[in-house]
Amino acid sequence: MSESADTSSASSRARMERLVGFLNSEEAAGLPLAELEARLEAERQELVNALMQDHAESRPEQTGQRGKAIASARVTRHRAGR
């Protein structure tokens, strides 16, 4: 992985580290499983959004369309069958 790839994904990595830290916390251990699952689902979506944003922001040299890439990365997408 290149240095620019490491830099561009720094916010996503930080978000992931916070999520792992939360999962190892007493707070998470004390939550009912259904509540923990709901929180993880919301955090998962935020992490995917952050990954897409980081990726979109790292692509302008390749696409020459930085604004379009960033705008499309902020669109909420739904999987088929949901």
PDB file of N, CA and C in Angstrom:
ATOM      1  N   MET A   1       0.854  -1.174   0.000  1.00  0.00           N
ATOM      2  CA  MET A   1       0.000   0.000   0.000  1.00  0.00           C
ATOM      3  C   MET A   1       0.894   1.228   0.000  1.00  0.00           C
ATOM      4  N   SER A   2       0.521   2.210  -0.787  1.00  0.00           N
ATOM      5  CA  SER A   2       1.327   3.416  -0.888  1.00  0.00           C
ATOM      6  C   SER A   2       1.083   4.326   0.307  1.00  0.00           C
ATOM      7  N   GLU A   3       1.998   5.272   0.495  1.00  0.00           N
ATOM      8  CA  GLU A   3       1.866   6.226   1.586  1.00  0.00           C
ATOM      9  C   GLU A   3       0.612   7.069   1.430  1.00  0.00           C
ATOM     10  N   SER A   4       0.283   7.465   0.184  1.00  0.00           N
ATOM     11  CA  SER A   4      -0.924   8.270  -0.033  1.00  0.00           C
ATOM     12  C   SER A   4      -2.182   7.475   0.296  1.00  0.00           C
ATOM     13  N   ALA A   5      -2.171   6.177   0.036  1.00  0.00           N
ATOM     14  CA  ALA A   5      -3.321   5.338   0.391  1.00  0.00           C
ATOM     15  C   ALA A   5      -3.473   5.263   1.899  1.00  0.00           C
ATOM     16  N   ASP A   6      -2.345   5.153   2.626  1.00  0.00           N
ATOM     17  CA  ASP A   6      -2.399   5.134   4.084  1.00  0.00           C
ATOM     18  C   ASP A   6      -2.949   6.452   4.612  1.00  0.00           C
ATOM     19  N   THR A   7      -2.511   7.563   4.047  1.00  0.00           N
ATOM     20  CA  THR A   7      -2.958   8.884   4.485  1.00  0.00           C
ATOM     21  C   THR A   7      -4.422   9.094   4.168  1.00  0.00           C
ATOM     22  N   SER A   8      -4.855   8.688   2.985  1.00  0.00           N
ATOM     23  CA  SER A   8      -6.235   8.932   2.582  1.00  0.00           C
ATOM     24  C   SER A   8      -7.233   8.107   3.380  1.00  0.00           C
ATOM     25  N   SER A   9      -6.814   7.018   3.971  1.00  0.00           N
ATOM     26  CA  SER A   9      -7.736   6.197   4.741  1.00  0.00           C
ATOM     27  C   SER A   9      -7.582   6.396   6.248  1.00  0.00           C
ATOM     28  N   ALA A  10      -6.868   7.431   6.659  1.00  0.00           N
ATOM     29  CA  ALA A  10      -6.608   7.656   8.082  1.00  0.00           C
ATOM     30  C   ALA A  10      -7.885   7.835   8.880  1.00  0.00           C
ATOM     31  N   SER A  11      -8.851   8.592   8.374  1.00  0.00           N
ATOM     32  CA  SER A  11     -10.082   8.799   9.141  1.00  0.00           C
ATOM     33  C   SER A  11     -10.891   7.510   9.241  1.00  0.00           C
ATOM     34  N   SER A  12     -10.891   6.700   8.197  1.00  0.00           N
ATOM     35  CA  SER A  12     -11.596   5.416   8.240  1.00  0.00           C
ATOM     36  C   SER A  12     -10.933   4.474   9.238  1.00  0.00           C
ATOM     37  N   ARG A  13      -9.607   4.471   9.224  1.00  0.00           N
ATOM     38  CA  ARG A  13      -8.885   3.615  10.175  1.00  0.00           C
ATOM     39  C   ARG A  13      -9.165   4.040  11.611  1.00  0.00           C
ATOM     40  N   ALA A  14      -9.195   5.338  11.849  1.00  0.00           N
ATOM     41  CA  ALA A  14      -9.477   5.845  13.195  1.00  0.00           C
ATOM     42  C   ALA A  14     -10.885   5.440  13.620  1.00  0.00           C
ATOM     43  N   ARG A  15     -11.843   5.534  12.703  1.00  0.00           N
ATOM     44  CA  ARG A  15     -13.226   5.132  13.008  1.00  0.00           C
ATOM     45  C   ARG A  15     -13.268   3.642  13.353  1.00  0.00           C
ATOM     46  N   MET A  16     -12.557   2.826  12.601  1.00  0.00           N
ATOM     47  CA  MET A  16     -12.523   1.379  12.856  1.00  0.00           C
ATOM     48  C   MET A  16     -11.896   1.086  14.217  1.00  0.00           C
ATOM     49  N   GLU A  17     -10.811   1.770  14.533  1.00  0.00           N
ATOM     50  CA  GLU A  17     -10.155   1.570  15.824  1.00  0.00           C
ATOM     51  C   GLU A  17     -11.086   1.939  16.979  1.00  0.00           C
ATOM     52  N   ARG A  18     -11.861   3.034  16.816  1.00  0.00           N
ATOM     53  CA  ARG A  18     -12.829   3.414  17.857  1.00  0.00           C
ATOM     54  C   ARG A  18     -13.894   2.334  18.014  1.00  0.00           C
ATOM     55  N   LEU A  19     -14.329   1.751  16.902  1.00  0.00           N
ATOM     56  CA  LEU A  19     -15.335   0.701  16.953  1.00  0.00           C
ATOM     57  C   LEU A  19     -14.801  -0.532  17.677  1.00  0.00           C
ATOM     58  N   VAL A  20     -13.588  -0.930  17.357  1.00  0.00           N
ATOM     59  CA  VAL A  20     -12.979  -2.074  18.034  1.00  0.00           C
ATOM     60  C   VAL A  20     -12.807  -1.775  19.530  1.00  0.00           C
ATOM     61  N   GLY A  21     -12.384  -0.555  19.840  1.00  0.00           N
ATOM     62  CA  GLY A  21     -12.257  -0.163  21.244  1.00  0.00           C
ATOM     63  C   GLY A  21     -13.588  -0.238  21.967  1.00  0.00           C
ATOM     64  N   PHE A  22     -14.642   0.223  21.306  1.00  0.00           N
ATOM     65  CA  PHE A  22     -15.972   0.151  21.901  1.00  0.00           C
ATOM     66  C   PHE A  22     -16.361  -1.301  22.161  1.00  0.00           C
ATOM     67  N   LEU A  23     -16.126  -2.177  21.197  1.00  0.00           N
ATOM     68  CA  LEU A  23     -16.492  -3.585  21.363  1.00  0.00           C
ATOM     69  C   LEU A  23     -15.771  -4.242  22.531  1.00  0.00           C
ATOM     70  N   ASN A  24     -14.595  -3.751  22.848  1.00  0.00           N
ATOM     71  CA  ASN A  24     -13.823  -4.283  23.967  1.00  0.00           C
ATOM     72  C   ASN A  24     -14.140  -3.588  25.287  1.00  0.00           C
ATOM     73  N   SER A  25     -15.093  -2.665  25.272  1.00  0.00           N
ATOM     74  CA  SER A  25     -15.383  -1.877  26.468  1.00  0.00           C
ATOM     75  C   SER A  25     -16.424  -2.542  27.367  1.00  0.00           C
ATOM     76  N   GLU A  26     -16.466  -2.061  28.608  1.00  0.00           N
ATOM     77  CA  GLU A  26     -17.483  -2.526  29.555  1.00  0.00           C
ATOM     78  C   GLU A  26     -18.868  -2.082  29.096  1.00  0.00           C
ATOM     79  N   GLU A  27     -18.937  -0.909  28.464  1.00  0.00           N
ATOM     80  CA  GLU A  27     -20.218  -0.422  27.967  1.00  0.00           C
ATOM     81  C   GLU A  27     -20.835  -1.422  26.988  1.00  0.00           C
ATOM     82  N   ALA A  28     -20.045  -1.882  26.016  1.00  0.00           N
ATOM     83  CA  ALA A  28     -20.545  -2.845  25.034  1.00  0.00           C
ATOM     84  C   ALA A  28     -20.908  -4.165  25.702  1.00  0.00           C
ATOM     85  N   ALA A  29     -20.103  -4.590  26.661  1.00  0.00           N
ATOM     86  CA  ALA A  29     -20.365  -5.849  27.360  1.00  0.00           C
ATOM     87  C   ALA A  29     -21.677  -5.793  28.132  1.00  0.00           C
ATOM     88  N   GLY A  30     -22.071  -4.596  28.564  1.00  0.00           N
ATOM     89  CA  GLY A  30     -23.291  -4.455  29.342  1.00  0.00           C
ATOM     90  C   GLY A  30     -24.553  -4.253  28.528  1.00  0.00           C
ATOM     91  N   LEU A  31     -24.422  -4.078  27.229  1.00  0.00           N
ATOM     92  CA  LEU A  31     -25.597  -3.853  26.383  1.00  0.00           C
ATOM     93  C   LEU A  31     -26.304  -5.164  26.062  1.00  0.00           C
ATOM     94  N   PRO A  32     -27.624  -5.132  25.993  1.00  0.00           N
ATOM     95  CA  PRO A  32     -28.334  -6.314  25.474  1.00  0.00           C
ATOM     96  C   PRO A  32     -27.875  -6.562  24.037  1.00  0.00           C
ATOM     97  N   LEU A  33     -27.849  -7.816  23.626  1.00  0.00           N
ATOM     98  CA  LEU A  33     -27.329  -8.148  22.299  1.00  0.00           C
ATOM     99  C   LEU A  33     -28.079  -7.442  21.175  1.00  0.00           C
ATOM    100  N   ALA A  34     -29.377  -7.295  21.298  1.00  0.00           N
ATOM    101  CA  ALA A  34     -30.146  -6.621  20.243  1.00  0.00           C
ATOM    102  C   ALA A  34     -29.724  -5.158  20.122  1.00  0.00           C
ATOM    103  N   GLU A  35     -29.483  -4.511  21.241  1.00  0.00           N
ATOM    104  CA  GLU A  35     -29.050  -3.112  21.219  1.00  0.00           C
ATOM    105  C   GLU A  35     -27.634  -2.988  20.654  1.00  0.00           C
ATOM    106  N   LEU A  36     -26.768  -3.926  21.032  1.00  0.00           N
ATOM    107  CA  LEU A  36     -25.403  -3.936  20.501  1.00  0.00           C
ATOM    108  C   LEU A  36     -25.428  -4.145  18.989  1.00  0.00           C
ATOM    109  N   GLU A  37     -26.261  -5.055  18.528  1.00  0.00           N
ATOM    110  CA  GLU A  37     -26.363  -5.309  17.095  1.00  0.00           C
ATOM    111  C   GLU A  37     -26.843  -4.064  16.345  1.00  0.00           C
ATOM    112  N   ALA A  38     -27.831  -3.379  16.893  1.00  0.00           N
ATOM    113  CA  ALA A  38     -28.344  -2.169  16.253  1.00  0.00           C
ATOM    114  C   ALA A  38     -27.271  -1.090  16.190  1.00  0.00           C
ATOM    115  N   ARG A  39     -26.516  -0.951  17.260  1.00  0.00           N
ATOM    116  CA  ARG A  39     -25.450   0.055  17.265  1.00  0.00           C
ATOM    117  C   ARG A  39     -24.363  -0.303  16.258  1.00  0.00           C
ATOM    118  N   LEU A  40     -23.991  -1.570  16.203  1.00  0.00           N
ATOM    119  CA  LEU A  40     -22.972  -2.007  15.247  1.00  0.00           C
ATOM    120  C   LEU A  40     -23.429  -1.822  13.810  1.00  0.00           C
ATOM    121  N   GLU A  41     -24.702  -2.046  13.553  1.00  0.00           N
ATOM    122  CA  GLU A  41     -25.228  -1.852  12.199  1.00  0.00           C
ATOM    123  C   GLU A  41     -25.092  -0.389  11.789  1.00  0.00           C
ATOM    124  N   ALA A  42     -25.432   0.510  12.677  1.00  0.00           N
ATOM    125  CA  ALA A  42     -25.300   1.945  12.376  1.00  0.00           C
ATOM    126  C   ALA A  42     -23.830   2.318  12.188  1.00  0.00           C
ATOM    127  N   GLU A  43     -22.966   1.818  13.040  1.00  0.00           N
ATOM    128  CA  GLU A  43     -21.536   2.106  12.932  1.00  0.00           C
ATOM    129  C   GLU A  43     -20.951   1.510  11.655  1.00  0.00           C
ATOM    130  N   ARG A  44     -21.442   0.338  11.259  1.00  0.00           N
ATOM    131  CA  ARG A  44     -20.963  -0.292  10.025  1.00  0.00           C
ATOM    132  C   ARG A  44     -21.261   0.606   8.828  1.00  0.00           C
ATOM    133  N   GLN A  45     -22.466   1.134   8.786  1.00  0.00           N
ATOM    134  CA  GLN A  45     -22.836   2.003   7.669  1.00  0.00           C
ATOM    135  C   GLN A  45     -21.971   3.259   7.655  1.00  0.00           C
ATOM    136  N   GLU A  46     -21.729   3.833   8.813  1.00  0.00           N
ATOM    137  CA  GLU A  46     -20.881   5.023   8.894  1.00  0.00           C
ATOM    138  C   GLU A  46     -19.451   4.706   8.461  1.00  0.00           C
ATOM    139  N   LEU A  47     -18.955   3.529   8.830  1.00  0.00           N
ATOM    140  CA  LEU A  47     -17.606   3.126   8.429  1.00  0.00           C
ATOM    141  C   LEU A  47     -17.515   2.961   6.914  1.00  0.00           C
ATOM    142  N   VAL A  48     -18.502   2.306   6.322  1.00  0.00           N
ATOM    143  CA  VAL A  48     -18.506   2.133   4.865  1.00  0.00           C
ATOM    144  C   VAL A  48     -18.563   3.494   4.176  1.00  0.00           C
ATOM    145  N   ASN A  49     -19.391   4.396   4.692  1.00  0.00           N
ATOM    146  CA  ASN A  49     -19.464   5.743   4.120  1.00  0.00           C
ATOM    147  C   ASN A  49     -18.114   6.445   4.212  1.00  0.00           C
ATOM    148  N   ALA A  50     -17.444   6.322   5.355  1.00  0.00           N
ATOM    149  CA  ALA A  50     -16.132   6.955   5.529  1.00  0.00           C
ATOM    150  C   ALA A  50     -15.103   6.350   4.569  1.00  0.00           C
ATOM    151  N   LEU A  51     -15.146   5.030   4.397  1.00  0.00           N
ATOM    152  CA  LEU A  51     -14.231   4.380   3.456  1.00  0.00           C
ATOM    153  C   LEU A  51     -14.469   4.875   2.032  1.00  0.00           C
ATOM    154  N   MET A  52     -15.724   4.978   1.646  1.00  0.00           N
ATOM    155  CA  MET A  52     -16.040   5.472   0.309  1.00  0.00           C
ATOM    156  C   MET A  52     -15.590   6.922   0.145  1.00  0.00           C
ATOM    157  N   GLN A  53     -15.809   7.729   1.161  1.00  0.00           N
ATOM    158  CA  GLN A  53     -15.398   9.131   1.098  1.00  0.00           C
ATOM    159  C   GLN A  53     -13.881   9.246   0.977  1.00  0.00           C
ATOM    160  N   ASP A  54     -13.163   8.495   1.816  1.00  0.00           N
ATOM    161  CA  ASP A  54     -11.701   8.521   1.743  1.00  0.00           C
ATOM    162  C   ASP A  54     -11.218   8.086   0.368  1.00  0.00           C
ATOM    163  N   HIS A  55     -11.837   7.041  -0.157  1.00  0.00           N
ATOM    164  CA  HIS A  55     -11.437   6.548  -1.470  1.00  0.00           C
ATOM    165  C   HIS A  55     -11.735   7.590  -2.549  1.00  0.00           C
ATOM    166  N   ALA A  56     -12.927   8.169  -2.499  1.00  0.00           N
ATOM    167  CA  ALA A  56     -13.308   9.174  -3.504  1.00  0.00           C
ATOM    168  C   ALA A  56     -12.353  10.363  -3.468  1.00  0.00           C
ATOM    169  N   GLU A  57     -11.957  10.772  -2.279  1.00  0.00           N
ATOM    170  CA  GLU A  57     -11.051  11.911  -2.157  1.00  0.00           C
ATOM    171  C   GLU A  57      -9.644  11.593  -2.624  1.00  0.00           C
ATOM    172  N   SER A  58      -9.296  10.316  -2.683  1.00  0.00           N
ATOM    173  CA  SER A  58      -7.954   9.937  -3.131  1.00  0.00           C
ATOM    174  C   SER A  58      -7.887   9.738  -4.646  1.00  0.00           C
ATOM    175  N   ARG A  59      -9.016   9.845  -5.341  1.00  0.00           N
ATOM    176  CA  ARG A  59      -9.076   9.540  -6.769  1.00  0.00           C
ATOM    177  C   ARG A  59      -9.009  10.711  -7.731  1.00  0.00           C
ATOM    178  N   PRO A  60      -8.971  11.959  -7.326  1.00  0.00           N
ATOM    179  CA  PRO A  60      -9.101  13.032  -8.322  1.00  0.00           C
ATOM    180  C   PRO A  60      -8.032  13.003  -9.399  1.00  0.00           C
ATOM    181  N   GLU A  61      -6.833  12.565  -9.072  1.00  0.00           N
ATOM    182  CA  GLU A  61      -5.772  12.507 -10.075  1.00  0.00           C
ATOM    183  C   GLU A  61      -6.116  11.490 -11.148  1.00  0.00           C
ATOM    184  N   GLN A  62      -6.814  10.434 -10.768  1.00  0.00           N
ATOM    185  CA  GLN A  62      -7.160   9.378 -11.716  1.00  0.00           C
ATOM    186  C   GLN A  62      -8.341   9.774 -12.584  1.00  0.00           C
ATOM    187  N   THR A  63      -9.360  10.389 -11.974  1.00  0.00           N
ATOM    188  CA  THR A  63     -10.590  10.630 -12.718  1.00  0.00           C
ATOM    189  C   THR A  63     -10.709  12.038 -13.257  1.00  0.00           C
ATOM    190  N   GLY A  64     -10.079  12.999 -12.584  1.00  0.00           N
ATOM    191  CA  GLY A  64     -10.232  14.380 -12.979  1.00  0.00           C
ATOM    192  C   GLY A  64     -11.616  14.927 -12.674  1.00  0.00           C
ATOM    193  N   GLN A  65     -12.396  14.190 -11.889  1.00  0.00           N
ATOM    194  CA  GLN A  65     -13.761  14.586 -11.568  1.00  0.00           C
ATOM    195  C   GLN A  65     -13.978  14.500 -10.062  1.00  0.00           C
ATOM    196  N   ARG A  66     -13.159  15.185  -9.314  1.00  0.00           N
ATOM    197  CA  ARG A  66     -13.209  15.089  -7.859  1.00  0.00           C
ATOM    198  C   ARG A  66     -14.597  15.383  -7.305  1.00  0.00           C
ATOM    199  N   GLY A  67     -15.240  16.430  -7.736  1.00  0.00           N
ATOM    200  CA  GLY A  67     -16.554  16.795  -7.218  1.00  0.00           C
ATOM    201  C   GLY A  67     -17.590  15.708  -7.428  1.00  0.00           C
ATOM    202  N   LYS A  68     -17.593  15.122  -8.608  1.00  0.00           N
ATOM    203  CA  LYS A  68     -18.565  14.072  -8.902  1.00  0.00           C
ATOM    204  C   LYS A  68     -18.304  12.838  -8.049  1.00  0.00           C
ATOM    205  N   ALA A  69     -17.052  12.485  -7.862  1.00  0.00           N
ATOM    206  CA  ALA A  69     -16.730  11.302  -7.069  1.00  0.00           C
ATOM    207  C   ALA A  69     -17.159  11.500  -5.624  1.00  0.00           C
ATOM    208  N   ILE A  70     -16.889  12.676  -5.078  1.00  0.00           N
ATOM    209  CA  ILE A  70     -17.255  12.941  -3.693  1.00  0.00           C
ATOM    210  C   ILE A  70     -18.766  12.970  -3.549  1.00  0.00           C
ATOM    211  N   ALA A  71     -19.460  13.604  -4.462  1.00  0.00           N
ATOM    212  CA  ALA A  71     -20.916  13.667  -4.380  1.00  0.00           C
ATOM    213  C   ALA A  71     -21.526  12.269  -4.443  1.00  0.00           C
ATOM    214  N   SER A  72     -21.025  11.434  -5.318  1.00  0.00           N
ATOM    215  CA  SER A  72     -21.600  10.098  -5.434  1.00  0.00           C
ATOM    216  C   SER A  72     -21.270   9.246  -4.216  1.00  0.00           C
ATOM    217  N   ALA A  73     -20.161   9.506  -3.550  1.00  0.00           N
ATOM    218  CA  ALA A  73     -19.798   8.746  -2.359  1.00  0.00           C
ATOM    219  C   ALA A  73     -20.714   9.069  -1.188  1.00  0.00           C
ATOM    220  N   ARG A  74     -21.364  10.221  -1.214  1.00  0.00           N
ATOM    221  CA  ARG A  74     -22.251  10.619  -0.120  1.00  0.00           C
ATOM    222  C   ARG A  74     -23.685  10.134  -0.314  1.00  0.00           C
ATOM    223  N   VAL A  75     -23.955   9.475  -1.405  1.00  0.00           N
ATOM    224  CA  VAL A  75     -25.297   8.981  -1.676  1.00  0.00           C
ATOM    225  C   VAL A  75     -25.525   7.703  -0.879  1.00  0.00           C
ATOM    226  N   THR A  76     -26.664   7.617  -0.212  1.00  0.00           N
ATOM    227  CA  THR A  76     -26.998   6.400   0.517  1.00  0.00           C
ATOM    228  C   THR A  76     -27.404   5.337  -0.484  1.00  0.00           C
ATOM    229  N   ARG A  77     -26.778   4.204  -0.378  1.00  0.00           N
ATOM    230  CA  ARG A  77     -27.084   3.098  -1.274  1.00  0.00           C
ATOM    231  C   ARG A  77     -27.736   1.986  -0.471  1.00  0.00           C
ATOM    232  N   HIS A  78     -28.650   1.289  -1.103  1.00  0.00           N
ATOM    233  CA  HIS A  78     -29.333   0.167  -0.462  1.00  0.00           C
ATOM    234  C   HIS A  78     -29.038  -1.082  -1.273  1.00  0.00           C
ATOM    235  N   ARG A  79     -28.792  -2.169  -0.557  1.00  0.00           N
ATOM    236  CA  ARG A  79     -28.530  -3.420  -1.246  1.00  0.00           C
ATOM    237  C   ARG A  79     -29.828  -3.978  -1.810  1.00  0.00           C
ATOM    238  N   ALA A  80     -29.692  -4.705  -2.881  1.00  0.00           N
ATOM    239  CA  ALA A  80     -30.866  -5.352  -3.482  1.00  0.00           C
ATOM    240  C   ALA A  80     -31.449  -6.344  -2.491  1.00  0.00           C
ATOM    241  N   GLY A  81     -32.745  -6.424  -2.472  1.00  0.00           N
ATOM    242  CA  GLY A  81     -33.390  -7.395  -1.601  1.00  0.00           C
ATOM    243  C   GLY A  81     -33.665  -6.880  -0.208  1.00  0.00           C
ATOM    244  N   ARG A  82     -33.407  -5.611   0.051  1.00  0.00           N
ATOM    245  CA  ARG A  82     -33.658  -5.045   1.393  1.00  0.00           C
ATOM    246  C   ARG A  82     -34.833  -4.156   1.353  1.00  0.00           C
TER     247      ARG A  82
END
